[in-house]
PDB file of N, CA and C in Angstrom:
ATOM      1  N   UNK A   1     207.698 123.052 210.277  1.00  0.00           N
ATOM      2  CA  UNK A   1     208.754 122.522 209.426  1.00  0.00           C
ATOM      3  C   UNK A   1     210.086 122.671 210.148  1.00  0.00           C
ATOM      4  N   UNK A   2     210.759 121.579 210.390  1.00  0.00           N
ATOM      5  CA  UNK A   2     211.998 121.591 211.160  1.00  0.00           C
ATOM      6  C   UNK A   2     213.089 122.366 210.444  1.00  0.00           C
ATOM      7  N   UNK A   3     213.211 122.208 209.129  1.00  0.00           N
ATOM      8  CA  UNK A   3     214.265 122.905 208.390  1.00  0.00           C
ATOM      9  C   UNK A   3     214.117 124.404 208.563  1.00  0.00           C
ATOM     10  N   UNK A   4     212.897 124.928 208.489  1.00  0.00           N
ATOM     11  CA  UNK A   4     212.663 126.361 208.669  1.00  0.00           C
ATOM     12  C   UNK A   4     213.014 126.815 210.073  1.00  0.00           C
ATOM     13  N   UNK A   5     212.674 126.010 211.069  1.00  0.00           N
ATOM     14  CA  UNK A   5     212.993 126.359 212.452  1.00  0.00           C
ATOM     15  C   UNK A   5     214.498 126.373 212.675  1.00  0.00           C
ATOM     16  N   UNK A   6     215.198 125.421 212.083  1.00  0.00           N
ATOM     17  CA  UNK A   6     216.658 125.382 212.218  1.00  0.00           C
ATOM     18  C   UNK A   6     217.288 126.606 211.571  1.00  0.00           C
ATOM     19  N   UNK A   7     216.746 127.038 210.439  1.00  0.00           N
ATOM     20  CA  UNK A   7     217.281 128.210 209.740  1.00  0.00           C
ATOM     21  C   UNK A   7     217.119 129.459 210.597  1.00  0.00           C
ATOM     22  N   UNK A   8     215.951 129.622 211.225  1.00  0.00           N
ATOM     23  CA  UNK A   8     215.696 130.799 212.054  1.00  0.00           C
ATOM     24  C   UNK A   8     216.693 130.879 213.202  1.00  0.00           C
ATOM     25  N   UNK A   9     217.060 129.746 213.768  1.00  0.00           N
ATOM     26  CA  UNK A   9     217.997 129.714 214.891  1.00  0.00           C
ATOM     27  C   UNK A   9     219.442 129.837 214.427  1.00  0.00           C
ATOM     28  N   UNK A  10     219.794 129.218 213.318  1.00  0.00           N
ATOM     29  CA  UNK A  10     221.201 129.125 212.927  1.00  0.00           C
ATOM     30  C   UNK A  10     221.766 130.393 212.308  1.00  0.00           C
ATOM     31  N   UNK A  11     221.035 131.077 211.455  1.00  0.00           N
ATOM     32  CA  UNK A  11     221.586 132.249 210.766  1.00  0.00           C
ATOM     33  C   UNK A  11     221.975 133.386 211.706  1.00  0.00           C
ATOM     34  N   UNK A  12     221.125 133.763 212.665  1.00  0.00           N
ATOM     35  CA  UNK A  12     221.531 134.860 213.555  1.00  0.00           C
ATOM     36  C   UNK A  12     222.755 134.527 214.407  1.00  0.00           C
ATOM     37  N   UNK A  13     223.044 133.245 214.598  1.00  0.00           N
ATOM     38  CA  UNK A  13     224.184 132.848 215.413  1.00  0.00           C
ATOM     39  C   UNK A  13     225.521 132.890 214.692  1.00  0.00           C
ATOM     40  N   UNK A  14     225.513 133.145 213.392  1.00  0.00           N
ATOM     41  CA  UNK A  14     226.770 133.177 212.635  1.00  0.00           C
ATOM     42  C   UNK A  14     227.542 134.461 212.906  1.00  0.00           C
ATOM     43  N   UNK A  15     228.849 134.319 213.094  1.00  0.00           N
ATOM     44  CA  UNK A  15     229.723 135.492 213.191  1.00  0.00           C
ATOM     45  C   UNK A  15     229.977 136.036 211.800  1.00  0.00           C
ATOM     46  N   UNK A  16     230.446 137.272 211.726  1.00  0.00           N
ATOM     47  CA  UNK A  16     230.840 137.850 210.440  1.00  0.00           C
ATOM     48  C   UNK A  16     231.943 136.967 209.855  1.00  0.00           C
ATOM     49  N   UNK A  17     231.784 136.561 208.610  1.00  0.00           N
ATOM     50  CA  UNK A  17     232.746 135.672 207.974  1.00  0.00           C
ATOM     51  C   UNK A  17     232.536 134.211 208.321  1.00  0.00           C
ATOM     52  N   UNK A  18     231.479 133.891 209.079  1.00  0.00           N
ATOM     53  CA  UNK A  18     231.223 132.516 209.500  1.00  0.00           C
ATOM     54  C   UNK A  18     230.693 131.653 208.382  1.00  0.00           C
ATOM     55  N   UNK A  19     230.667 130.370 208.617  1.00  0.00           N
ATOM     56  CA  UNK A  19     230.190 129.410 207.615  1.00  0.00           C
ATOM     57  C   UNK A  19     229.164 128.493 208.259  1.00  0.00           C
ATOM     58  N   UNK A  20     228.045 128.311 207.586  1.00  0.00           N
ATOM     59  CA  UNK A  20     227.009 127.392 208.026  1.00  0.00           C
ATOM     60  C   UNK A  20     226.988 126.226 207.055  1.00  0.00           C
ATOM     61  N   UNK A  21     227.194 125.016 207.557  1.00  0.00           N
ATOM     62  CA  UNK A  21     227.163 123.822 206.717  1.00  0.00           C
ATOM     63  C   UNK A  21     225.920 123.039 207.090  1.00  0.00           C
ATOM     64  N   UNK A  22     225.062 122.822 206.118  1.00  0.00           N
ATOM     65  CA  UNK A  22     223.853 122.039 206.349  1.00  0.00           C
ATOM     66  C   UNK A  22     224.084 120.644 205.782  1.00  0.00           C
ATOM     67  N   UNK A  23     224.028 119.656 206.636  1.00  0.00           N
ATOM     68  CA  UNK A  23     224.224 118.272 206.213  1.00  0.00           C
ATOM     69  C   UNK A  23     222.851 117.668 205.944  1.00  0.00           C
ATOM     70  N   UNK A  24     222.787 116.834 204.900  1.00  0.00           N
ATOM     71  CA  UNK A  24     221.528 116.209 204.480  1.00  0.00           C
ATOM     72  C   UNK A  24     220.536 117.289 204.082  1.00  0.00           C
ATOM     73  N   UNK A  25     220.826 117.957 202.981  1.00  0.00           N
ATOM     74  CA  UNK A  25     219.990 119.054 202.507  1.00  0.00           C
ATOM     75  C   UNK A  25     218.574 118.568 202.251  1.00  0.00           C
ATOM     76  N   UNK A  26     217.603 119.494 202.269  1.00  0.00           N
ATOM     77  CA  UNK A  26     216.208 119.101 202.053  1.00  0.00           C
ATOM     78  C   UNK A  26     216.009 118.438 200.691  1.00  0.00           C
ATOM     79  N   UNK A  27     214.958 117.653 200.593  1.00  0.00           N
ATOM     80  CA  UNK A  27     214.635 117.007 199.319  1.00  0.00           C
ATOM     81  C   UNK A  27     214.545 118.049 198.224  1.00  0.00           C
ATOM     82  N   UNK A  28     215.027 117.718 197.059  1.00  0.00           N
ATOM     83  CA  UNK A  28     215.025 118.562 195.872  1.00  0.00           C
ATOM     84  C   UNK A  28     215.962 119.756 195.997  1.00  0.00           C
ATOM     85  N   UNK A  29     216.858 119.752 196.983  1.00  0.00           N
ATOM     86  CA  UNK A  29     217.958 120.708 197.045  1.00  0.00           C
ATOM     87  C   UNK A  29     217.605 122.149 197.293  1.00  0.00           C
ATOM     88  N   UNK A  30     216.500 122.469 197.919  1.00  0.00           N
ATOM     89  CA  UNK A  30     216.131 123.855 198.172  1.00  0.00           C
ATOM     90  C   UNK A  30     216.642 124.282 199.539  1.00  0.00           C
ATOM     91  N   UNK A  31     217.545 125.247 199.553  1.00  0.00           N
ATOM     92  CA  UNK A  31     218.031 125.831 200.802  1.00  0.00           C
ATOM     93  C   UNK A  31     217.494 127.249 200.886  1.00  0.00           C
ATOM     94  N   UNK A  32     216.748 127.547 201.916  1.00  0.00           N
ATOM     95  CA  UNK A  32     216.200 128.889 202.080  1.00  0.00           C
ATOM     96  C   UNK A  32     216.986 129.606 203.171  1.00  0.00           C
ATOM     97  N   UNK A  33     217.202 130.885 202.959  1.00  0.00           N
ATOM     98  CA  UNK A  33     217.923 131.667 203.955  1.00  0.00           C
ATOM     99  C   UNK A  33     217.941 133.125 203.568  1.00  0.00           C
ATOM    100  N   UNK A  34     218.320 133.985 204.502  1.00  0.00           N
ATOM    101  CA  UNK A  34     218.345 135.416 204.211  1.00  0.00           C
ATOM    102  C   UNK A  34     219.447 135.758 203.220  1.00  0.00           C
ATOM    103  N   UNK A  35     219.182 136.723 202.361  1.00  0.00           N
ATOM    104  CA  UNK A  35     220.188 137.168 201.403  1.00  0.00           C
ATOM    105  C   UNK A  35     221.039 138.266 202.025  1.00  0.00           C
ATOM    106  N   UNK A  36     220.421 139.190 202.748  1.00  0.00           N
ATOM    107  CA  UNK A  36     221.158 140.294 203.352  1.00  0.00           C
ATOM    108  C   UNK A  36     222.172 139.744 204.355  1.00  0.00           C
ATOM    109  N   UNK A  37     223.412 140.081 204.198  1.00  0.00           N
ATOM    110  CA  UNK A  37     224.454 139.599 205.096  1.00  0.00           C
ATOM    111  C   UNK A  37     225.089 138.303 204.638  1.00  0.00           C
ATOM    112  N   UNK A  38     224.313 137.431 204.022  1.00  0.00           N
ATOM    113  CA  UNK A  38     224.859 136.149 203.592  1.00  0.00           C
ATOM    114  C   UNK A  38     225.808 136.311 202.416  1.00  0.00           C
ATOM    115  N   UNK A  39     225.464 137.180 201.492  1.00  0.00           N
ATOM    116  CA  UNK A  39     226.246 137.319 200.269  1.00  0.00           C
ATOM    117  C   UNK A  39     227.661 137.798 200.559  1.00  0.00           C
ATOM    118  N   UNK A  40     227.825 138.756 201.462  1.00  0.00           N
ATOM    119  CA  UNK A  40     229.152 139.317 201.706  1.00  0.00           C
ATOM    120  C   UNK A  40     229.831 138.786 202.966  1.00  0.00           C
ATOM    121  N   UNK A  41     229.051 138.480 203.982  1.00  0.00           N
ATOM    122  CA  UNK A  41     229.656 138.228 205.286  1.00  0.00           C
ATOM    123  C   UNK A  41     229.778 136.758 205.681  1.00  0.00           C
ATOM    124  N   UNK A  42     228.871 135.933 205.244  1.00  0.00           N
ATOM    125  CA  UNK A  42     228.870 134.533 205.671  1.00  0.00           C
ATOM    126  C   UNK A  42     228.659 133.640 204.457  1.00  0.00           C
ATOM    127  N   UNK A  43     228.838 132.355 204.642  1.00  0.00           N
ATOM    128  CA  UNK A  43     228.533 131.417 203.562  1.00  0.00           C
ATOM    129  C   UNK A  43     227.679 130.288 204.107  1.00  0.00           C
ATOM    130  N   UNK A  44     226.769 129.812 203.279  1.00  0.00           N
ATOM    131  CA  UNK A  44     225.890 128.713 203.641  1.00  0.00           C
ATOM    132  C   UNK A  44     226.122 127.601 202.635  1.00  0.00           C
ATOM    133  N   UNK A  45     226.425 126.419 203.120  1.00  0.00           N
ATOM    134  CA  UNK A  45     226.708 125.284 202.259  1.00  0.00           C
ATOM    135  C   UNK A  45     225.749 124.159 202.593  1.00  0.00           C
ATOM    136  N   UNK A  46     225.116 123.606 201.588  1.00  0.00           N
ATOM    137  CA  UNK A  46     224.281 122.429 201.783  1.00  0.00           C
ATOM    138  C   UNK A  46     225.067 121.211 201.349  1.00  0.00           C
ATOM    139  N   UNK A  47     225.039 120.171 202.141  1.00  0.00           N
ATOM    140  CA  UNK A  47     225.867 119.018 201.836  1.00  0.00           C
ATOM    141  C   UNK A  47     225.150 117.747 202.239  1.00  0.00           C
ATOM    142  N   UNK A  48     225.079 116.822 201.354  1.00  0.00           N
ATOM    143  CA  UNK A  48     224.522 115.506 201.635  1.00  0.00           C
ATOM    144  C   UNK A  48     225.626 114.498 201.359  1.00  0.00           C
ATOM    145  N   UNK A  49     226.343 114.062 202.397  1.00  0.00           N
ATOM    146  CA  UNK A  49     227.503 113.201 202.154  1.00  0.00           C
ATOM    147  C   UNK A  49     227.093 111.895 201.500  1.00  0.00           C
ATOM    148  N   UNK A  50     227.773 111.561 200.414  1.00  0.00           N
ATOM    149  CA  UNK A  50     227.433 110.347 199.696  1.00  0.00           C
ATOM    150  C   UNK A  50     228.509 109.283 199.763  1.00  0.00           C
ATOM    151  N   UNK A  51     229.696 109.648 200.236  1.00  0.00           N
ATOM    152  CA  UNK A  51     230.782 108.676 200.352  1.00  0.00           C
ATOM    153  C   UNK A  51     231.334 108.721 201.767  1.00  0.00           C
ATOM    154  N   UNK A  52     232.120 107.746 202.105  1.00  0.00           N
ATOM    155  CA  UNK A  52     232.740 107.756 203.435  1.00  0.00           C
ATOM    156  C   UNK A  52     233.674 108.951 203.587  1.00  0.00           C
ATOM    157  N   UNK A  53     234.382 109.303 202.518  1.00  0.00           N
ATOM    158  CA  UNK A  53     235.277 110.460 202.575  1.00  0.00           C
ATOM    159  C   UNK A  53     234.469 111.737 202.783  1.00  0.00           C
ATOM    160  N   UNK A  54     233.339 111.857 202.093  1.00  0.00           N
ATOM    161  CA  UNK A  54     232.484 113.028 202.258  1.00  0.00           C
ATOM    162  C   UNK A  54     231.965 113.141 203.678  1.00  0.00           C
ATOM    163  N   UNK A  55     231.555 112.028 204.247  1.00  0.00           N
ATOM    164  CA  UNK A  55     231.082 112.035 205.623  1.00  0.00           C
ATOM    165  C   UNK A  55     232.198 112.436 206.574  1.00  0.00           C
ATOM    166  N   UNK A  56     233.411 111.965 206.324  1.00  0.00           N
ATOM    167  CA  UNK A  56     234.554 112.337 207.168  1.00  0.00           C
ATOM    168  C   UNK A  56     234.816 113.837 207.090  1.00  0.00           C
ATOM    169  N   UNK A  57     234.683 114.428 205.896  1.00  0.00           N
ATOM    170  CA  UNK A  57     234.891 115.867 205.741  1.00  0.00           C
ATOM    171  C   UNK A  57     233.857 116.671 206.512  1.00  0.00           C
ATOM    172  N   UNK A  58     232.633 116.178 206.567  1.00  0.00           N
ATOM    173  CA  UNK A  58     231.584 116.866 207.314  1.00  0.00           C
ATOM    174  C   UNK A  58     231.809 116.717 208.812  1.00  0.00           C
ATOM    175  N   UNK A  59     232.240 115.541 209.245  1.00  0.00           N
ATOM    176  CA  UNK A  59     232.400 115.292 210.682  1.00  0.00           C
ATOM    177  C   UNK A  59     233.616 115.981 211.291  1.00  0.00           C
ATOM    178  N   UNK A  60     234.623 116.298 210.479  1.00  0.00           N
ATOM    179  CA  UNK A  60     235.850 116.900 211.002  1.00  0.00           C
ATOM    180  C   UNK A  60     235.572 118.178 211.811  1.00  0.00           C
ATOM    181  N   UNK A  61     234.876 119.189 211.271  1.00  0.00           N
ATOM    182  CA  UNK A  61     234.602 120.375 212.086  1.00  0.00           C
ATOM    183  C   UNK A  61     233.645 120.081 213.241  1.00  0.00           C
ATOM    184  N   UNK A  62     232.766 119.085 213.055  1.00  0.00           N
ATOM    185  CA  UNK A  62     231.829 118.749 214.125  1.00  0.00           C
ATOM    186  C   UNK A  62     232.555 118.163 215.334  1.00  0.00           C
ATOM    187  N   UNK A  63     233.489 117.247 215.086  1.00  0.00           N
ATOM    188  CA  UNK A  63     234.223 116.652 216.204  1.00  0.00           C
ATOM    189  C   UNK A  63     235.157 117.660 216.862  1.00  0.00           C
ATOM    190  N   UNK A  64     235.525 118.711 216.125  1.00  0.00           N
ATOM    191  CA  UNK A  64     236.361 119.768 216.709  1.00  0.00           C
ATOM    192  C   UNK A  64     235.525 120.761 217.516  1.00  0.00           C
ATOM    193  N   UNK A  65     234.195 120.541 217.575  1.00  0.00           N
ATOM    194  CA  UNK A  65     233.336 121.416 218.364  1.00  0.00           C
ATOM    195  C   UNK A  65     232.966 122.715 217.663  1.00  0.00           C
ATOM    196  N   UNK A  66     233.127 122.779 216.344  1.00  0.00           N
ATOM    197  CA  UNK A  66     232.840 124.017 215.618  1.00  0.00           C
ATOM    198  C   UNK A  66     231.463 124.008 214.963  1.00  0.00           C
ATOM    199  N   UNK A  67     230.653 122.991 215.223  1.00  0.00           N
ATOM    200  CA  UNK A  67     229.318 122.916 214.633  1.00  0.00           C
ATOM    201  C   UNK A  67     228.299 122.536 215.693  1.00  0.00           C
ATOM    202  N   UNK A  68     227.040 122.719 215.357  1.00  0.00           N
ATOM    203  CA  UNK A  68     225.933 122.305 216.207  1.00  0.00           C
ATOM    204  C   UNK A  68     225.008 121.457 215.349  1.00  0.00           C
ATOM    205  N   UNK A  69     224.576 120.329 215.859  1.00  0.00           N
ATOM    206  CA  UNK A  69     223.687 119.449 215.101  1.00  0.00           C
ATOM    207  C   UNK A  69     222.240 119.867 215.294  1.00  0.00           C
ATOM    208  N   UNK A  70     221.518 119.977 214.196  1.00  0.00           N
ATOM    209  CA  UNK A  70     220.079 120.224 214.224  1.00  0.00           C
ATOM    210  C   UNK A  70     219.447 119.085 213.457  1.00  0.00           C
ATOM    211  N   UNK A  71     218.616 118.302 214.121  1.00  0.00           N
ATOM    212  CA  UNK A  71     218.057 117.104 213.505  1.00  0.00           C
ATOM    213  C   UNK A  71     216.638 117.367 213.034  1.00  0.00           C
ATOM    214  N   UNK A  72     216.284 116.782 211.930  1.00  0.00           N
ATOM    215  CA  UNK A  72     214.932 116.899 211.401  1.00  0.00           C
ATOM    216  C   UNK A  72     214.376 115.530 211.086  1.00  0.00           C
ATOM    217  N   UNK A  73     213.120 115.492 210.658  1.00  0.00           N
ATOM    218  CA  UNK A  73     212.519 114.204 210.330  1.00  0.00           C
ATOM    219  C   UNK A  73     213.131 113.625 209.063  1.00  0.00           C
ATOM    220  N   UNK A  74     213.178 112.317 209.001  1.00  0.00           N
ATOM    221  CA  UNK A  74     213.693 111.640 207.811  1.00  0.00           C
ATOM    222  C   UNK A  74     212.507 111.367 206.896  1.00  0.00           C
ATOM    223  N   UNK A  75     212.602 111.852 205.674  1.00  0.00           N
ATOM    224  CA  UNK A  75     211.535 111.634 204.698  1.00  0.00           C
ATOM    225  C   UNK A  75     212.036 110.652 203.644  1.00  0.00           C
ATOM    226  N   UNK A  76     211.277 109.610 203.355  1.00  0.00           N
ATOM    227  CA  UNK A  76     211.699 108.682 202.309  1.00  0.00           C
ATOM    228  C   UNK A  76     211.773 109.389 200.963  1.00  0.00           C
ATOM    229  N   UNK A  77     212.764 109.062 200.179  1.00  0.00           N
ATOM    230  CA  UNK A  77     212.921 109.650 198.851  1.00  0.00           C
ATOM    231  C   UNK A  77     212.958 108.514 197.833  1.00  0.00           C
ATOM    232  N   UNK A  78     211.815 107.961 197.549  1.00  0.00           N
ATOM    233  CA  UNK A  78     211.764 106.786 196.684  1.00  0.00           C
ATOM    234  C   UNK A  78     211.976 107.114 195.217  1.00  0.00           C
ATOM    235  N   UNK A  79     211.974 108.397 194.840  1.00  0.00           N
ATOM    236  CA  UNK A  79     212.107 108.761 193.432  1.00  0.00           C
ATOM    237  C   UNK A  79     213.560 108.862 192.974  1.00  0.00           C
ATOM    238  N   UNK A  80     214.515 108.496 193.800  1.00  0.00           N
ATOM    239  CA  UNK A  80     215.922 108.646 193.453  1.00  0.00           C
ATOM    240  C   UNK A  80     216.540 107.403 192.831  1.00  0.00           C
ATOM    241  N   UNK A  81     215.782 106.338 192.708  1.00  0.00           N
ATOM    242  CA  UNK A  81     216.355 105.105 192.188  1.00  0.00           C
ATOM    243  C   UNK A  81     217.091 104.364 193.289  1.00  0.00           C
ATOM    244  N   UNK A  82     217.637 103.225 192.967  1.00  0.00           N
ATOM    245  CA  UNK A  82     218.337 102.431 193.971  1.00  0.00           C
ATOM    246  C   UNK A  82     219.706 102.021 193.458  1.00  0.00           C
ATOM    247  N   UNK A  83     220.600 101.790 194.408  1.00  0.00           N
ATOM    248  CA  UNK A  83     221.944 101.276 194.125  1.00  0.00           C
ATOM    249  C   UNK A  83     222.290 100.287 195.215  1.00  0.00           C
ATOM    250  N   UNK A  84     223.075  99.273 194.902  1.00  0.00           N
ATOM    251  CA  UNK A  84     223.508  98.339 195.942  1.00  0.00           C
ATOM    252  C   UNK A  84     224.404  99.046 196.957  1.00  0.00           C
ATOM    253  N   UNK A  85     224.324  98.632 198.193  1.00  0.00           N
ATOM    254  CA  UNK A  85     225.129  99.238 199.247  1.00  0.00           C
ATOM    255  C   UNK A  85     226.620  99.143 198.947  1.00  0.00           C
ATOM    256  N   UNK A  86     227.041  98.075 198.291  1.00  0.00           N
ATOM    257  CA  UNK A  86     228.465  97.884 197.986  1.00  0.00           C
ATOM    258  C   UNK A  86     229.013  98.973 197.062  1.00  0.00           C
ATOM    259  N   UNK A  87     228.148  99.687 196.344  1.00  0.00           N
ATOM    260  CA  UNK A  87     228.614 100.718 195.406  1.00  0.00           C
ATOM    261  C   UNK A  87     228.626 102.116 196.022  1.00  0.00           C
ATOM    262  N   UNK A  88     228.528 102.225 197.346  1.00  0.00           N
ATOM    263  CA  UNK A  88     228.403 103.533 197.992  1.00  0.00           C
ATOM    264  C   UNK A  88     229.594 104.454 197.726  1.00  0.00           C
ATOM    265  N   UNK A  89     230.773 103.926 197.522  1.00  0.00           N
ATOM    266  CA  UNK A  89     231.947 104.770 197.294  1.00  0.00           C
ATOM    267  C   UNK A  89     232.212 105.071 195.822  1.00  0.00           C
ATOM    268  N   UNK A  90     231.402 104.528 194.928  1.00  0.00           N
ATOM    269  CA  UNK A  90     231.583 104.802 193.502  1.00  0.00           C
ATOM    270  C   UNK A  90     230.941 106.145 193.156  1.00  0.00           C
ATOM    271  N   UNK A  91     231.566 106.913 192.261  1.00  0.00           N
ATOM    272  CA  UNK A  91     230.983 108.204 191.883  1.00  0.00           C
ATOM    273  C   UNK A  91     229.684 108.019 191.107  1.00  0.00           C
ATOM    274  N   UNK A  92     228.829 109.027 191.173  1.00  0.00           N
ATOM    275  CA  UNK A  92     227.585 109.011 190.416  1.00  0.00           C
ATOM    276  C   UNK A  92     227.597 110.159 189.417  1.00  0.00           C
ATOM    277  N   UNK A  93     226.820 110.030 188.370  1.00  0.00           N
ATOM    278  CA  UNK A  93     226.745 111.084 187.352  1.00  0.00           C
ATOM    279  C   UNK A  93     225.981 112.282 187.904  1.00  0.00           C
ATOM    280  N   UNK A  94     226.456 113.482 187.579  1.00  0.00           N
ATOM    281  CA  UNK A  94     225.770 114.701 188.001  1.00  0.00           C
ATOM    282  C   UNK A  94     225.521 115.580 186.774  1.00  0.00           C
ATOM    283  N   UNK A  95     224.455 115.317 186.019  1.00  0.00           N
ATOM    284  CA  UNK A  95     224.186 116.156 184.852  1.00  0.00           C
ATOM    285  C   UNK A  95     223.871 117.584 185.279  1.00  0.00           C
ATOM    286  N   UNK A  96     224.399 118.542 184.561  1.00  0.00           N
ATOM    287  CA  UNK A  96     224.189 119.968 184.830  1.00  0.00           C
ATOM    288  C   UNK A  96     224.585 120.353 186.254  1.00  0.00           C
ATOM    289  N   UNK A  97     225.523 119.625 186.858  1.00  0.00           N
ATOM    290  CA  UNK A  97     226.002 119.970 188.190  1.00  0.00           C
ATOM    291  C   UNK A  97     225.009 119.705 189.299  1.00  0.00           C
ATOM    292  N   UNK A  98     223.991 118.924 189.039  1.00  0.00           N
ATOM    293  CA  UNK A  98     222.982 118.647 190.063  1.00  0.00           C
ATOM    294  C   UNK A  98     222.993 117.160 190.393  1.00  0.00           C
ATOM    295  N   UNK A  99     222.939 116.854 191.655  1.00  0.00           N
ATOM    296  CA  UNK A  99     222.910 115.457 192.082  1.00  0.00           C
ATOM    297  C   UNK A  99     221.637 115.212 192.870  1.00  0.00           C
ATOM    298  N   UNK A 100     220.877 114.209 192.486  1.00  0.00           N
ATOM    299  CA  UNK A 100     219.694 113.818 193.253  1.00  0.00           C
ATOM    300  C   UNK A 100     220.144 112.701 194.180  1.00  0.00           C
ATOM    301  N   UNK A 101     220.198 113.010 195.461  1.00  0.00           N
ATOM    302  CA  UNK A 101     220.755 112.040 196.396  1.00  0.00           C
ATOM    303  C   UNK A 101     219.801 111.769 197.539  1.00  0.00           C
ATOM    304  N   UNK A 102     220.065 110.724 198.230  1.00  0.00           N
ATOM    305  CA  UNK A 102     219.311 110.362 199.414  1.00  0.00           C
ATOM    306  C   UNK A 102     219.550 108.896 199.707  1.00  0.00           C
ATOM    307  N   UNK A 103     219.517 108.563 200.962  1.00  0.00           N
ATOM    308  CA  UNK A 103     219.716 107.168 201.345  1.00  0.00           C
ATOM    309  C   UNK A 103     218.474 106.713 202.087  1.00  0.00           C
ATOM    310  N   UNK A 104     217.861 105.688 201.577  1.00  0.00           N
ATOM    311  CA  UNK A 104     216.715 105.079 202.235  1.00  0.00           C
ATOM    312  C   UNK A 104     217.050 103.609 202.394  1.00  0.00           C
ATOM    313  N   UNK A 105     217.123 103.156 203.630  1.00  0.00           N
ATOM    314  CA  UNK A 105     217.425 101.744 203.869  1.00  0.00           C
ATOM    315  C   UNK A 105     216.132 100.955 203.733  1.00  0.00           C
ATOM    316  N   UNK A 106     216.180  99.909 202.950  1.00  0.00           N
ATOM    317  CA  UNK A 106     215.022  99.065 202.711  1.00  0.00           C
ATOM    318  C   UNK A 106     215.184  97.784 203.522  1.00  0.00           C
ATOM    319  N   UNK A 107     214.473  97.682 204.670  1.00  0.00           N
ATOM    320  CA  UNK A 107     214.656  96.503 205.516  1.00  0.00           C
ATOM    321  C   UNK A 107     214.241  95.207 204.825  1.00  0.00           C
ATOM    322  N   UNK A 108     213.366  95.287 203.834  1.00  0.00           N
ATOM    323  CA  UNK A 108     212.920  94.081 203.141  1.00  0.00           C
ATOM    324  C   UNK A 108     214.003  93.460 202.284  1.00  0.00           C
ATOM    325  N   UNK A 109     214.933  94.267 201.783  1.00  0.00           N
ATOM    326  CA  UNK A 109     215.979  93.749 200.908  1.00  0.00           C
ATOM    327  C   UNK A 109     217.348  93.765 201.562  1.00  0.00           C
ATOM    328  N   UNK A 110     217.457  94.373 202.722  1.00  0.00           N
ATOM    329  CA  UNK A 110     218.756  94.473 203.382  1.00  0.00           C
ATOM    330  C   UNK A 110     219.633  95.549 202.783  1.00  0.00           C
ATOM    331  N   UNK A 111     219.074  96.433 201.945  1.00  0.00           N
ATOM    332  CA  UNK A 111     219.849  97.519 201.337  1.00  0.00           C
ATOM    333  C   UNK A 111     219.582  98.816 202.056  1.00  0.00           C
TER     334      UNK A 111
END
């Protein structure tokens, strides 16, 4: 599992007070990581950018050289429903503070 391998490599590399930002969180929003040290010394953030502004916020520290990219396999998430590409910058409802997100391009429809 690529996500697990990335976690094993990324957590020990954090400095005290460091921040780990995970872009494109795993399906169903489960982030696994050590509790010892994380609670007081570091922070782990899972982020799946859904707007152009969100993507810009994620890329800012990356272009400054403060992040390392870890790539994993892309899994289709067909259970999230569909939206037209033109509505990508419109907000979506987040009941109970949870957002089910994912982008799957459908070559058959051009979306």
